[in-house]
PDB file of all heavy atoms in Angstrom:
ATOM      1  N   VAL A   1     -12.393  -3.356  23.522  1.00  0.00           N
ATOM      2  CA  VAL A   1     -11.374  -3.167  24.600  1.00  0.00           C
ATOM      3  C   VAL A   1     -11.726  -1.991  25.529  1.00  0.00           C
ATOM      4  O   VAL A   1     -11.660  -2.138  26.749  1.00  0.00           O
ATOM      5  CB  VAL A   1     -10.003  -2.849  23.918  1.00  0.00           C
ATOM      6  CG1 VAL A   1      -8.977  -2.429  24.924  1.00  0.00           C
ATOM      7  CG2 VAL A   1      -9.528  -4.110  23.195  1.00  0.00           C
ATOM      8  N   PHE A   2     -12.161  -0.901  24.985  1.00  0.00           N
ATOM      9  CA  PHE A   2     -12.540   0.272  25.798  1.00  0.00           C
ATOM     10  C   PHE A   2     -13.772  -0.060  26.657  1.00  0.00           C
ATOM     11  O   PHE A   2     -13.830   0.381  27.821  1.00  0.00           O
ATOM     12  CB  PHE A   2     -12.838   1.469  24.896  1.00  0.00           C
ATOM     13  CG  PHE A   2     -11.671   1.944  24.110  1.00  0.00           C
ATOM     14  CD1 PHE A   2     -11.810   2.442  22.813  1.00  0.00           C
ATOM     15  CD2 PHE A   2     -10.380   1.885  24.630  1.00  0.00           C
ATOM     16  CE1 PHE A   2     -10.741   2.875  22.100  1.00  0.00           C
ATOM     17  CE2 PHE A   2      -9.260   2.325  23.894  1.00  0.00           C
ATOM     18  CZ  PHE A   2      -9.463   2.787  22.617  1.00  0.00           C
ATOM     19  N   LEU A   3     -14.709  -0.872  26.152  1.00  0.00           N
ATOM     20  CA  LEU A   3     -15.868  -1.250  26.903  1.00  0.00           C
ATOM     21  C   LEU A   3     -15.512  -2.101  28.098  1.00  0.00           C
ATOM     22  O   LEU A   3     -15.983  -1.884  29.163  1.00  0.00           O
ATOM     23  CB  LEU A   3     -16.872  -2.012  26.028  1.00  0.00           C
ATOM     24  CG  LEU A   3     -18.139  -2.531  26.669  1.00  0.00           C
ATOM     25  CD1 LEU A   3     -19.018  -1.380  27.121  1.00  0.00           C
ATOM     26  CD2 LEU A   3     -18.931  -3.408  25.695  1.00  0.00           C
ATOM     27  N   VAL A   4     -14.592  -3.059  27.880  1.00  0.00           N
ATOM     28  CA  VAL A   4     -14.194  -3.959  28.999  1.00  0.00           C
ATOM     29  C   VAL A   4     -13.459  -3.131  30.071  1.00  0.00           C
ATOM     30  O   VAL A   4     -13.678  -3.316  31.279  1.00  0.00           O
ATOM     31  CB  VAL A   4     -13.306  -5.097  28.481  1.00  0.00           C
ATOM     32  CG1 VAL A   4     -12.630  -5.842  29.621  1.00  0.00           C
ATOM     33  CG2 VAL A   4     -14.129  -6.051  27.609  1.00  0.00           C
ATOM     34  N   LEU A   5     -12.528  -2.249  29.626  1.00  0.00           N
ATOM     35  CA  LEU A   5     -11.796  -1.418  30.619  1.00  0.00           C
ATOM     36  C   LEU A   5     -12.720  -0.540  31.429  1.00  0.00           C
ATOM     37  O   LEU A   5     -12.562  -0.396  32.649  1.00  0.00           O
ATOM     38  CB  LEU A   5     -10.743  -0.610  29.905  1.00  0.00           C
ATOM     39  CG  LEU A   5      -9.597  -1.342  29.216  1.00  0.00           C
ATOM     40  CD1 LEU A   5      -8.709  -0.350  28.437  1.00  0.00           C
ATOM     41  CD2 LEU A   5      -8.743  -2.079  30.262  1.00  0.00           C
ATOM     42  N   GLU A   6     -13.677   0.057  30.721  1.00  0.00           N
ATOM     43  CA  GLU A   6     -14.635   0.964  31.402  1.00  0.00           C
ATOM     44  C   GLU A   6     -15.523   0.190  32.373  1.00  0.00           C
ATOM     45  O   GLU A   6     -15.809   0.699  33.479  1.00  0.00           O
ATOM     46  CB  GLU A   6     -15.492   1.686  30.357  1.00  0.00           C
ATOM     47  CG  GLU A   6     -16.393   2.737  30.952  1.00  0.00           C
ATOM     48  CD  GLU A   6     -17.221   3.451  29.887  1.00  0.00           C
ATOM     49  OE1 GLU A   6     -17.000   3.174  28.697  1.00  0.00           O
ATOM     50  OE2 GLU A   6     -18.102   4.248  30.264  1.00  0.00           O
ATOM     51  N   SER A   7     -15.976  -0.987  32.000  1.00  0.00           N
ATOM     52  CA  SER A   7     -16.867  -1.772  32.842  1.00  0.00           C
ATOM     53  C   SER A   7     -16.225  -2.207  34.170  1.00  0.00           C
ATOM     54  O   SER A   7     -16.882  -2.424  35.149  1.00  0.00           O
ATOM     55  CB  SER A   7     -17.387  -2.998  32.100  1.00  0.00           C
ATOM     56  OG  SER A   7     -16.315  -3.882  31.768  1.00  0.00           O
ATOM     57  N   HIS A   8     -14.913  -2.334  34.163  1.00  0.00           N
ATOM     58  CA  HIS A   8     -14.148  -2.753  35.363  1.00  0.00           C
ATOM     59  C   HIS A   8     -13.451  -1.577  36.030  1.00  0.00           C
ATOM     60  O   HIS A   8     -12.712  -1.816  36.986  1.00  0.00           O
ATOM     61  CB  HIS A   8     -13.119  -3.827  35.000  1.00  0.00           C
ATOM     62  CG  HIS A   8     -13.753  -5.128  34.555  1.00  0.00           C
ATOM     63  ND1 HIS A   8     -14.404  -5.941  35.432  1.00  0.00           N
ATOM     64  CD2 HIS A   8     -13.762  -5.743  33.337  1.00  0.00           C
ATOM     65  CE1 HIS A   8     -14.858  -7.041  34.769  1.00  0.00           C
ATOM     66  NE2 HIS A   8     -14.478  -6.901  33.503  1.00  0.00           N
ATOM     67  N   GLY A   9     -13.656  -0.364  35.541  1.00  0.00           N
ATOM     68  CA  GLY A   9     -13.101   0.805  36.180  1.00  0.00           C
ATOM     69  C   GLY A   9     -11.620   0.919  36.002  1.00  0.00           C
ATOM     70  O   GLY A   9     -10.902   1.480  36.896  1.00  0.00           O
ATOM     71  N   LEU A  10     -11.032   0.428  34.859  1.00  0.00           N
ATOM     72  CA  LEU A  10      -9.619   0.477  34.620  1.00  0.00           C
ATOM     73  C   LEU A  10      -9.371   1.657  33.635  1.00  0.00           C
ATOM     74  O   LEU A  10     -10.048   1.840  32.618  1.00  0.00           O
ATOM     75  CB  LEU A  10      -9.126  -0.803  34.031  1.00  0.00           C
ATOM     76  CG  LEU A  10      -9.352  -2.052  34.932  1.00  0.00           C
ATOM     77  CD1 LEU A  10      -8.944  -3.313  34.154  1.00  0.00           C
ATOM     78  CD2 LEU A  10      -8.494  -1.931  36.198  1.00  0.00           C
ATOM     79  N   ASP A  11      -8.328   2.423  33.896  1.00  0.00           N
ATOM     80  CA  ASP A  11      -7.955   3.569  33.085  1.00  0.00           C
ATOM     81  C   ASP A  11      -7.025   3.184  31.951  1.00  0.00           C
ATOM     82  O   ASP A  11      -5.983   2.588  32.159  1.00  0.00           O
ATOM     83  CB  ASP A  11      -7.305   4.632  33.988  1.00  0.00           C
ATOM     84  CG  ASP A  11      -7.079   5.932  33.257  1.00  0.00           C
ATOM     85  OD1 ASP A  11      -7.484   6.075  32.075  1.00  0.00           O
ATOM     86  OD2 ASP A  11      -6.559   6.921  33.858  1.00  0.00           O
ATOM     87  N   ILE A  12      -7.456   3.500  30.735  1.00  0.00           N
ATOM     88  CA  ILE A  12      -6.629   3.125  29.548  1.00  0.00           C
ATOM     89  C   ILE A  12      -5.289   3.861  29.563  1.00  0.00           C
ATOM     90  O   ILE A  12      -4.307   3.371  28.979  1.00  0.00           O
ATOM     91  CB  ILE A  12      -7.407   3.475  28.229  1.00  0.00           C
ATOM     92  CG1 ILE A  12      -6.642   3.003  27.004  1.00  0.00           C
ATOM     93  CG2 ILE A  12      -7.699   4.948  28.168  1.00  0.00           C
ATOM     94  CD1 ILE A  12      -6.418   1.534  26.912  1.00  0.00           C
ATOM     95  N   ASN A  13      -5.222   4.967  30.253  1.00  0.00           N
ATOM     96  CA  ASN A  13      -3.948   5.766  30.320  1.00  0.00           C
ATOM     97  C   ASN A  13      -2.854   5.051  31.136  1.00  0.00           C
ATOM     98  O   ASN A  13      -1.710   5.404  31.097  1.00  0.00           O
ATOM     99  CB  ASN A  13      -4.222   7.173  30.883  1.00  0.00           C
ATOM    100  CG  ASN A  13      -5.043   8.010  29.938  1.00  0.00           C
ATOM    101  OD1 ASN A  13      -4.773   7.994  28.758  1.00  0.00           O
ATOM    102  ND2 ASN A  13      -6.007   8.724  30.453  1.00  0.00           N
ATOM    103  N   ASN A  14      -3.278   4.059  31.946  1.00  0.00           N
ATOM    104  CA  ASN A  14      -2.357   3.258  32.703  1.00  0.00           C
ATOM    105  C   ASN A  14      -1.826   2.038  31.933  1.00  0.00           C
ATOM    106  O   ASN A  14      -1.028   1.267  32.480  1.00  0.00           O
ATOM    107  CB  ASN A  14      -2.932   2.839  34.070  1.00  0.00           C
ATOM    108  CG  ASN A  14      -3.184   3.990  34.978  1.00  0.00           C
ATOM    109  OD1 ASN A  14      -2.446   4.960  34.973  1.00  0.00           O
ATOM    110  ND2 ASN A  14      -4.206   3.877  35.829  1.00  0.00           N
ATOM    111  N   CYS A  15      -2.322   1.851  30.764  1.00  0.00           N
ATOM    112  CA  CYS A  15      -1.854   0.727  29.922  1.00  0.00           C
ATOM    113  C   CYS A  15      -0.487   1.070  29.346  1.00  0.00           C
ATOM    114  O   CYS A  15      -0.277   2.112  28.738  1.00  0.00           O
ATOM    115  CB  CYS A  15      -2.868   0.485  28.777  1.00  0.00           C
ATOM    116  SG  CYS A  15      -2.407  -0.891  27.677  1.00  0.00           S
ATOM    117  N   ARG A  16       0.453   0.165  29.561  1.00  0.00           N
ATOM    118  CA  ARG A  16       1.838   0.418  29.133  1.00  0.00           C
ATOM    119  C   ARG A  16       2.330  -0.621  28.078  1.00  0.00           C
ATOM    120  O   ARG A  16       3.477  -0.574  27.690  1.00  0.00           O
ATOM    121  CB  ARG A  16       2.787   0.369  30.297  1.00  0.00           C
ATOM    122  CG  ARG A  16       2.621   1.561  31.285  1.00  0.00           C
ATOM    123  CD  ARG A  16       3.030   2.852  30.603  1.00  0.00           C
ATOM    124  NE  ARG A  16       2.806   3.987  31.464  1.00  0.00           N
ATOM    125  CZ  ARG A  16       1.708   4.736  31.446  1.00  0.00           C
ATOM    126  NH1 ARG A  16       0.704   4.387  30.632  1.00  0.00           N
ATOM    127  NH2 ARG A  16       1.580   5.762  32.272  1.00  0.00           N
ATOM    128  N   GLY A  17       1.465  -1.475  27.633  1.00  0.00           N
ATOM    129  CA  GLY A  17       1.876  -2.462  26.601  1.00  0.00           C
ATOM    130  C   GLY A  17       0.694  -3.193  26.019  1.00  0.00           C
ATOM    131  O   GLY A  17      -0.372  -3.286  26.624  1.00  0.00           O
ATOM    132  N   GLN A  18       0.908  -3.735  24.812  1.00  0.00           N
ATOM    133  CA  GLN A  18      -0.130  -4.516  24.144  1.00  0.00           C
ATOM    134  C   GLN A  18       0.598  -5.543  23.251  1.00  0.00           C
ATOM    135  O   GLN A  18       1.617  -5.209  22.666  1.00  0.00           O
ATOM    136  CB  GLN A  18      -1.087  -3.661  23.352  1.00  0.00           C
ATOM    137  CG  GLN A  18      -0.448  -2.562  22.571  1.00  0.00           C
ATOM    138  CD  GLN A  18      -1.421  -1.678  21.833  1.00  0.00           C
ATOM    139  OE1 GLN A  18      -2.523  -2.097  21.443  1.00  0.00           O
ATOM    140  NE2 GLN A  18      -1.049  -0.426  21.582  1.00  0.00           N
ATOM    141  N   SER A  19       0.048  -6.706  23.182  1.00  0.00           N
ATOM    142  CA  SER A  19       0.692  -7.755  22.361  1.00  0.00           C
ATOM    143  C   SER A  19      -0.384  -8.568  21.637  1.00  0.00           C
ATOM    144  O   SER A  19      -1.347  -9.026  22.274  1.00  0.00           O
ATOM    145  CB  SER A  19       1.522  -8.688  23.285  1.00  0.00           C
ATOM    146  OG  SER A  19       2.129  -9.699  22.489  1.00  0.00           O
ATOM    147  N   TYR A  20      -0.210  -8.705  20.327  1.00  0.00           N
ATOM    148  CA  TYR A  20      -1.158  -9.474  19.483  1.00  0.00           C
ATOM    149  C   TYR A  20      -0.345 -10.300  18.476  1.00  0.00           C
ATOM    150  O   TYR A  20       0.912 -10.172  18.410  1.00  0.00           O
ATOM    151  CB  TYR A  20      -2.139  -8.587  18.743  1.00  0.00           C
ATOM    152  CG  TYR A  20      -2.644  -7.424  19.559  1.00  0.00           C
ATOM    153  CD1 TYR A  20      -2.302  -6.089  19.287  1.00  0.00           C
ATOM    154  CD2 TYR A  20      -3.487  -7.631  20.677  1.00  0.00           C
ATOM    155  CE1 TYR A  20      -2.761  -5.046  20.000  1.00  0.00           C
ATOM    156  CE2 TYR A  20      -3.915  -6.566  21.452  1.00  0.00           C
ATOM    157  CZ  TYR A  20      -3.566  -5.267  21.082  1.00  0.00           C
ATOM    158  OH  TYR A  20      -4.033  -4.235  21.859  1.00  0.00           O
ATOM    159  N   ASP A  21      -1.021 -11.062  17.663  1.00  0.00           N
ATOM    160  CA  ASP A  21      -0.322 -11.744  16.567  1.00  0.00           C
ATOM    161  C   ASP A  21      -0.221 -10.797  15.402  1.00  0.00           C
ATOM    162  O   ASP A  21      -0.448  -9.586  15.510  1.00  0.00           O
ATOM    163  CB  ASP A  21      -1.102 -13.027  16.169  1.00  0.00           C
ATOM    164  CG  ASP A  21      -2.521 -12.769  15.774  1.00  0.00           C
ATOM    165  OD1 ASP A  21      -2.865 -11.612  15.407  1.00  0.00           O
ATOM    166  OD2 ASP A  21      -3.354 -13.696  15.853  1.00  0.00           O
ATOM    167  N   TYR A  22       0.198 -11.335  14.240  1.00  0.00           N
ATOM    168  CA  TYR A  22       0.517 -10.450  13.087  1.00  0.00           C
ATOM    169  C   TYR A  22      -0.723 -10.229  12.180  1.00  0.00           C
ATOM    170  O   TYR A  22      -0.534  -9.828  10.989  1.00  0.00           O
ATOM    171  CB  TYR A  22       1.676 -11.080  12.297  1.00  0.00           C
ATOM    172  CG  TYR A  22       3.003 -10.660  12.842  1.00  0.00           C
ATOM    173  CD1 TYR A  22       3.630 -11.458  13.823  1.00  0.00           C
ATOM    174  CD2 TYR A  22       3.633  -9.514  12.441  1.00  0.00           C
ATOM    175  CE1 TYR A  22       4.888 -11.130  14.292  1.00  0.00           C
ATOM    176  CE2 TYR A  22       4.859  -9.149  12.928  1.00  0.00           C
ATOM    177  CZ  TYR A  22       5.483  -9.974  13.849  1.00  0.00           C
ATOM    178  OH  TYR A  22       6.709  -9.622  14.390  1.00  0.00           O
ATOM    179  N   ALA A  23      -1.904 -10.518  12.609  1.00  0.00           N
ATOM    180  CA  ALA A  23      -3.083 -10.225  11.784  1.00  0.00           C
ATOM    181  C   ALA A  23      -3.179  -8.713  11.571  1.00  0.00           C
ATOM    182  O   ALA A  23      -2.910  -7.907  12.485  1.00  0.00           O
ATOM    183  CB  ALA A  23      -4.364 -10.708  12.471  1.00  0.00           C
ATOM    184  N   SER A  24      -3.560  -8.322  10.367  1.00  0.00           N
ATOM    185  CA  SER A  24      -3.541  -6.882  10.029  1.00  0.00           C
ATOM    186  C   SER A  24      -4.535  -6.056  10.832  1.00  0.00           C
ATOM    187  O   SER A  24      -4.286  -4.897  11.149  1.00  0.00           O
ATOM    188  CB  SER A  24      -3.845  -6.732   8.518  1.00  0.00           C
ATOM    189  OG  SER A  24      -5.099  -7.283   8.170  1.00  0.00           O
ATOM    190  N   ASN A  25      -5.685  -6.687  11.225  1.00  0.00           N
ATOM    191  CA  ASN A  25      -6.639  -5.940  12.029  1.00  0.00           C
ATOM    192  C   ASN A  25      -6.164  -5.691  13.457  1.00  0.00           C
ATOM    193  O   ASN A  25      -6.667  -4.830  14.130  1.00  0.00           O
ATOM    194  CB  ASN A  25      -8.017  -6.668  12.028  1.00  0.00           C
ATOM    195  CG  ASN A  25      -7.905  -8.037  12.660  1.00  0.00           C
ATOM    196  OD1 ASN A  25      -6.818  -8.657  12.673  1.00  0.00           O
ATOM    197  ND2 ASN A  25      -8.961  -8.588  13.151  1.00  0.00           N
ATOM    198  N   MET A  26      -5.147  -6.502  13.909  1.00  0.00           N
ATOM    199  CA  MET A  26      -4.637  -6.365  15.268  1.00  0.00           C
ATOM    200  C   MET A  26      -3.367  -5.521  15.268  1.00  0.00           C
ATOM    201  O   MET A  26      -3.219  -4.564  16.038  1.00  0.00           O
ATOM    202  CB  MET A  26      -4.341  -7.733  15.836  1.00  0.00           C
ATOM    203  CG  MET A  26      -5.442  -8.730  15.779  1.00  0.00           C
ATOM    204  SD  MET A  26      -6.815  -8.311  16.876  1.00  0.00           S
ATOM    205  CE  MET A  26      -6.250  -9.115  18.340  1.00  0.00           C
ATOM    206  N   SER A  27      -2.378  -5.875  14.404  1.00  0.00           N
ATOM    207  CA  SER A  27      -1.075  -5.244  14.456  1.00  0.00           C
ATOM    208  C   SER A  27      -0.834  -4.190  13.359  1.00  0.00           C
ATOM    209  O   SER A  27       0.278  -3.738  13.186  1.00  0.00           O
ATOM    210  CB  SER A  27      -0.011  -6.307  14.387  1.00  0.00           C
ATOM    211  OG  SER A  27      -0.078  -7.024  13.159  1.00  0.00           O
ATOM    212  N   GLY A  28      -1.900  -3.872  12.652  1.00  0.00           N
ATOM    213  CA  GLY A  28      -1.733  -2.879  11.525  1.00  0.00           C
ATOM    214  C   GLY A  28      -1.151  -1.570  12.011  1.00  0.00           C
ATOM    215  O   GLY A  28      -1.587  -1.047  13.095  1.00  0.00           O
ATOM    216  N   ARG A  29      -0.211  -1.019  11.294  1.00  0.00           N
ATOM    217  CA  ARG A  29       0.501   0.180  11.752  1.00  0.00           C
ATOM    218  C   ARG A  29      -0.330   1.429  11.712  1.00  0.00           C
ATOM    219  O   ARG A  29      -0.152   2.344  12.509  1.00  0.00           O
ATOM    220  CB  ARG A  29       1.767   0.346  10.881  1.00  0.00           C
ATOM    221  CG  ARG A  29       2.614   1.514  11.296  1.00  0.00           C
ATOM    222  CD  ARG A  29       3.887   1.614  10.404  1.00  0.00           C
ATOM    223  NE  ARG A  29       4.676   0.434  10.543  1.00  0.00           N
ATOM    224  CZ  ARG A  29       5.827   0.259   9.870  1.00  0.00           C
ATOM    225  NH1 ARG A  29       6.274   1.212   9.014  1.00  0.00           N
ATOM    226  NH2 ARG A  29       6.483  -0.877  10.020  1.00  0.00           N
ATOM    227  N   TYR A  30      -1.315   1.486  10.823  1.00  0.00           N
ATOM    228  CA  TYR A  30      -2.072   2.713  10.653  1.00  0.00           C
ATOM    229  C   TYR A  30      -3.536   2.602  11.184  1.00  0.00           C
ATOM    230  O   TYR A  30      -3.967   3.539  11.839  1.00  0.00           O
ATOM    231  CB  TYR A  30      -2.122   3.089   9.166  1.00  0.00           C
ATOM    232  CG  TYR A  30      -0.748   3.265   8.575  1.00  0.00           C
ATOM    233  CD1 TYR A  30      -0.203   2.326   7.713  1.00  0.00           C
ATOM    234  CD2 TYR A  30       0.020   4.394   8.919  1.00  0.00           C
ATOM    235  CE1 TYR A  30       1.090   2.505   7.190  1.00  0.00           C
ATOM    236  CE2 TYR A  30       1.317   4.554   8.401  1.00  0.00           C
ATOM    237  CZ  TYR A  30       1.840   3.617   7.534  1.00  0.00           C
ATOM    238  OH  TYR A  30       3.114   3.779   7.049  1.00  0.00           O
ATOM    239  N   THR A  31      -4.206   1.527  10.922  1.00  0.00           N
ATOM    240  CA  THR A  31      -5.590   1.399  11.324  1.00  0.00           C
ATOM    241  C   THR A  31      -5.840   0.121  12.174  1.00  0.00           C
ATOM    242  O   THR A  31      -7.008  -0.219  12.398  1.00  0.00           O
ATOM    243  CB  THR A  31      -6.549   1.371  10.126  1.00  0.00           C
ATOM    244  OG1 THR A  31      -6.194   0.262   9.239  1.00  0.00           O
ATOM    245  CG2 THR A  31      -6.449   2.680   9.360  1.00  0.00           C
ATOM    246  N   GLY A  32      -4.800  -0.589  12.525  1.00  0.00           N
ATOM    247  CA  GLY A  32      -4.960  -1.751  13.384  1.00  0.00           C
ATOM    248  C   GLY A  32      -5.347  -1.404  14.755  1.00  0.00           C
ATOM    249  O   GLY A  32      -5.389  -0.238  15.208  1.00  0.00           O
ATOM    250  N   LEU A  33      -5.650  -2.440  15.560  1.00  0.00           N
ATOM    251  CA  LEU A  33      -6.067  -2.255  16.954  1.00  0.00           C
ATOM    252  C   LEU A  33      -5.009  -1.517  17.739  1.00  0.00           C
ATOM    253  O   LEU A  33      -5.294  -0.634  18.512  1.00  0.00           O
ATOM    254  CB  LEU A  33      -6.393  -3.601  17.571  1.00  0.00           C
ATOM    255  CG  LEU A  33      -6.692  -3.568  19.098  1.00  0.00           C
ATOM    256  CD1 LEU A  33      -7.885  -2.715  19.411  1.00  0.00           C
ATOM    257  CD2 LEU A  33      -6.900  -4.996  19.615  1.00  0.00           C
ATOM    258  N   GLN A  34      -3.677  -1.952  17.553  1.00  0.00           N
ATOM    259  CA  GLN A  34      -2.630  -1.322  18.337  1.00  0.00           C
ATOM    260  C   GLN A  34      -2.514   0.125  17.985  1.00  0.00           C
ATOM    261  O   GLN A  34      -2.181   0.942  18.874  1.00  0.00           O
ATOM    262  CB  GLN A  34      -1.348  -2.103  18.059  1.00  0.00           C
ATOM    263  CG  GLN A  34      -0.783  -2.082  16.647  1.00  0.00           C
ATOM    264  CD  GLN A  34       0.286  -1.044  16.452  1.00  0.00           C
ATOM    265  OE1 GLN A  34       0.655  -0.347  17.379  1.00  0.00           O
ATOM    266  NE2 GLN A  34       0.766  -0.923  15.221  1.00  0.00           N
ATOM    267  N   ALA A  35      -2.761   0.558  16.712  1.00  0.00           N
ATOM    268  CA  ALA A  35      -2.656   1.940  16.325  1.00  0.00           C
ATOM    269  C   ALA A  35      -3.808   2.739  16.942  1.00  0.00           C
ATOM    270  O   ALA A  35      -3.609   3.870  17.364  1.00  0.00           O
ATOM    271  CB  ALA A  35      -2.695   2.063  14.801  1.00  0.00           C
ATOM    272  N   ARG A  36      -5.019   2.142  17.023  1.00  0.00           N
ATOM    273  CA  ARG A  36      -6.161   2.860  17.609  1.00  0.00           C
ATOM    274  C   ARG A  36      -5.957   3.079  19.079  1.00  0.00           C
ATOM    275  O   ARG A  36      -6.361   4.084  19.632  1.00  0.00           O
ATOM    276  CB  ARG A  36      -7.446   2.072  17.290  1.00  0.00           C
ATOM    277  CG  ARG A  36      -7.820   2.044  15.797  1.00  0.00           C
ATOM    278  CD  ARG A  36      -9.121   1.330  15.560  1.00  0.00           C
ATOM    279  NE  ARG A  36      -9.436   1.287  14.140  1.00  0.00           N
ATOM    280  CZ  ARG A  36     -10.025   2.254  13.475  1.00  0.00           C
ATOM    281  NH1 ARG A  36     -10.421   3.331  14.105  1.00  0.00           N
ATOM    282  NH2 ARG A  36     -10.306   2.107  12.179  1.00  0.00           N
ATOM    283  N   ILE A  37      -5.386   2.131  19.774  1.00  0.00           N
ATOM    284  CA  ILE A  37      -5.130   2.243  21.193  1.00  0.00           C
ATOM    285  C   ILE A  37      -4.037   3.276  21.433  1.00  0.00           C
ATOM    286  O   ILE A  37      -4.090   4.043  22.391  1.00  0.00           O
ATOM    287  CB  ILE A  37      -4.787   0.900  21.804  1.00  0.00           C
ATOM    288  CG1 ILE A  37      -5.972  -0.015  21.841  1.00  0.00           C
ATOM    289  CG2 ILE A  37      -4.252   1.081  23.253  1.00  0.00           C
ATOM    290  CD1 ILE A  37      -5.780  -1.398  22.424  1.00  0.00           C
ATOM    291  N   LYS A  38      -3.052   3.315  20.539  1.00  0.00           N
ATOM    292  CA  LYS A  38      -1.955   4.280  20.702  1.00  0.00           C
ATOM    293  C   LYS A  38      -2.428   5.733  20.465  1.00  0.00           C
ATOM    294  O   LYS A  38      -1.843   6.660  20.994  1.00  0.00           O
ATOM    295  CB  LYS A  38      -0.840   3.966  19.676  1.00  0.00           C
ATOM    296  CG  LYS A  38       0.168   2.937  20.222  1.00  0.00           C
ATOM    297  CD  LYS A  38       1.345   2.826  19.294  1.00  0.00           C
ATOM    298  CE  LYS A  38       2.459   1.985  19.889  1.00  0.00           C
ATOM    299  NZ  LYS A  38       3.662   1.922  19.055  1.00  0.00           N
ATOM    300  N   LYS A  39      -3.489   5.885  19.641  1.00  0.00           N
ATOM    301  CA  LYS A  39      -4.035   7.251  19.478  1.00  0.00           C
ATOM    302  C   LYS A  39      -4.583   7.746  20.789  1.00  0.00           C
ATOM    303  O   LYS A  39      -4.512   8.948  21.086  1.00  0.00           O
ATOM    304  CB  LYS A  39      -5.146   7.211  18.440  1.00  0.00           C
ATOM    305  CG  LYS A  39      -4.630   7.056  16.984  1.00  0.00           C
ATOM    306  CD  LYS A  39      -5.791   7.055  16.003  1.00  0.00           C
ATOM    307  CE  LYS A  39      -5.271   6.909  14.571  1.00  0.00           C
ATOM    308  NZ  LYS A  39      -6.379   6.903  13.584  1.00  0.00           N
ATOM    309  N   VAL A  40      -5.171   6.887  21.611  1.00  0.00           N
ATOM    310  CA  VAL A  40      -5.704   7.290  22.866  1.00  0.00           C
ATOM    311  C   VAL A  40      -4.609   7.385  23.925  1.00  0.00           C
ATOM    312  O   VAL A  40      -4.546   8.297  24.738  1.00  0.00           O
ATOM    313  CB  VAL A  40      -6.764   6.264  23.320  1.00  0.00           C
ATOM    314  CG1 VAL A  40      -7.378   6.666  24.700  1.00  0.00           C
ATOM    315  CG2 VAL A  40      -7.911   6.241  22.297  1.00  0.00           C
ATOM    316  N   ASN A  41      -3.696   6.355  23.894  1.00  0.00           N
ATOM    317  CA  ASN A  41      -2.586   6.340  24.887  1.00  0.00           C
ATOM    318  C   ASN A  41      -1.328   5.997  24.130  1.00  0.00           C
ATOM    319  O   ASN A  41      -1.004   4.825  23.879  1.00  0.00           O
ATOM    320  CB  ASN A  41      -2.866   5.271  25.924  1.00  0.00           C
ATOM    321  CG  ASN A  41      -1.788   5.163  26.966  1.00  0.00           C
ATOM    322  OD1 ASN A  41      -0.863   6.022  27.030  1.00  0.00           O
ATOM    323  ND2 ASN A  41      -1.783   4.091  27.732  1.00  0.00           N
ATOM    324  N   PRO A  42      -0.480   7.006  23.830  1.00  0.00           N
ATOM    325  CA  PRO A  42       0.754   6.764  23.035  1.00  0.00           C
ATOM    326  C   PRO A  42       1.775   5.907  23.769  1.00  0.00           C
ATOM    327  O   PRO A  42       2.685   5.389  23.159  1.00  0.00           O
ATOM    328  CB  PRO A  42       1.313   8.211  22.798  1.00  0.00           C
ATOM    329  CG  PRO A  42       0.165   9.082  23.022  1.00  0.00           C
ATOM    330  CD  PRO A  42      -0.717   8.432  24.022  1.00  0.00           C
ATOM    331  N   LEU A  43       1.641   5.747  25.108  1.00  0.00           N
ATOM    332  CA  LEU A  43       2.590   4.952  25.921  1.00  0.00           C
ATOM    333  C   LEU A  43       2.297   3.493  25.878  1.00  0.00           C
ATOM    334  O   LEU A  43       3.064   2.708  26.511  1.00  0.00           O
ATOM    335  CB  LEU A  43       2.648   5.514  27.326  1.00  0.00           C
ATOM    336  CG  LEU A  43       3.105   6.960  27.497  1.00  0.00           C
ATOM    337  CD1 LEU A  43       3.078   7.348  28.964  1.00  0.00           C
ATOM    338  CD2 LEU A  43       4.515   7.146  26.940  1.00  0.00           C
ATOM    339  N   ALA A  44       1.219   3.061  25.242  1.00  0.00           N
ATOM    340  CA  ALA A  44       0.889   1.634  25.185  1.00  0.00           C
ATOM    341  C   ALA A  44       1.749   0.970  24.087  1.00  0.00           C
ATOM    342  O   ALA A  44       1.309   0.867  22.935  1.00  0.00           O
ATOM    343  CB  ALA A  44      -0.605   1.434  24.893  1.00  0.00           C
ATOM    344  N   THR A  45       2.943   0.581  24.443  1.00  0.00           N
ATOM    345  CA  THR A  45       3.893   0.044  23.485  1.00  0.00           C
ATOM    346  C   THR A  45       3.384  -1.298  22.885  1.00  0.00           C
ATOM    347  O   THR A  45       2.941  -2.186  23.638  1.00  0.00           O
ATOM    348  CB  THR A  45       5.247  -0.233  24.194  1.00  0.00           C
ATOM    349  OG1 THR A  45       5.695   1.000  24.779  1.00  0.00           O
ATOM    350  CG2 THR A  45       6.268  -0.703  23.164  1.00  0.00           C
TER     351      THR A  45
END
């Protein structure tokens, strides 16, 4: 995700939302993708 955003010149801090299915690697509360993106940008609901 960070690679794609950087390659197109998009700032991760302007991300205000994220939506995935219920797979643990995507929606995991502690180490899932949504949790890792929230560590960088807490406003990415």
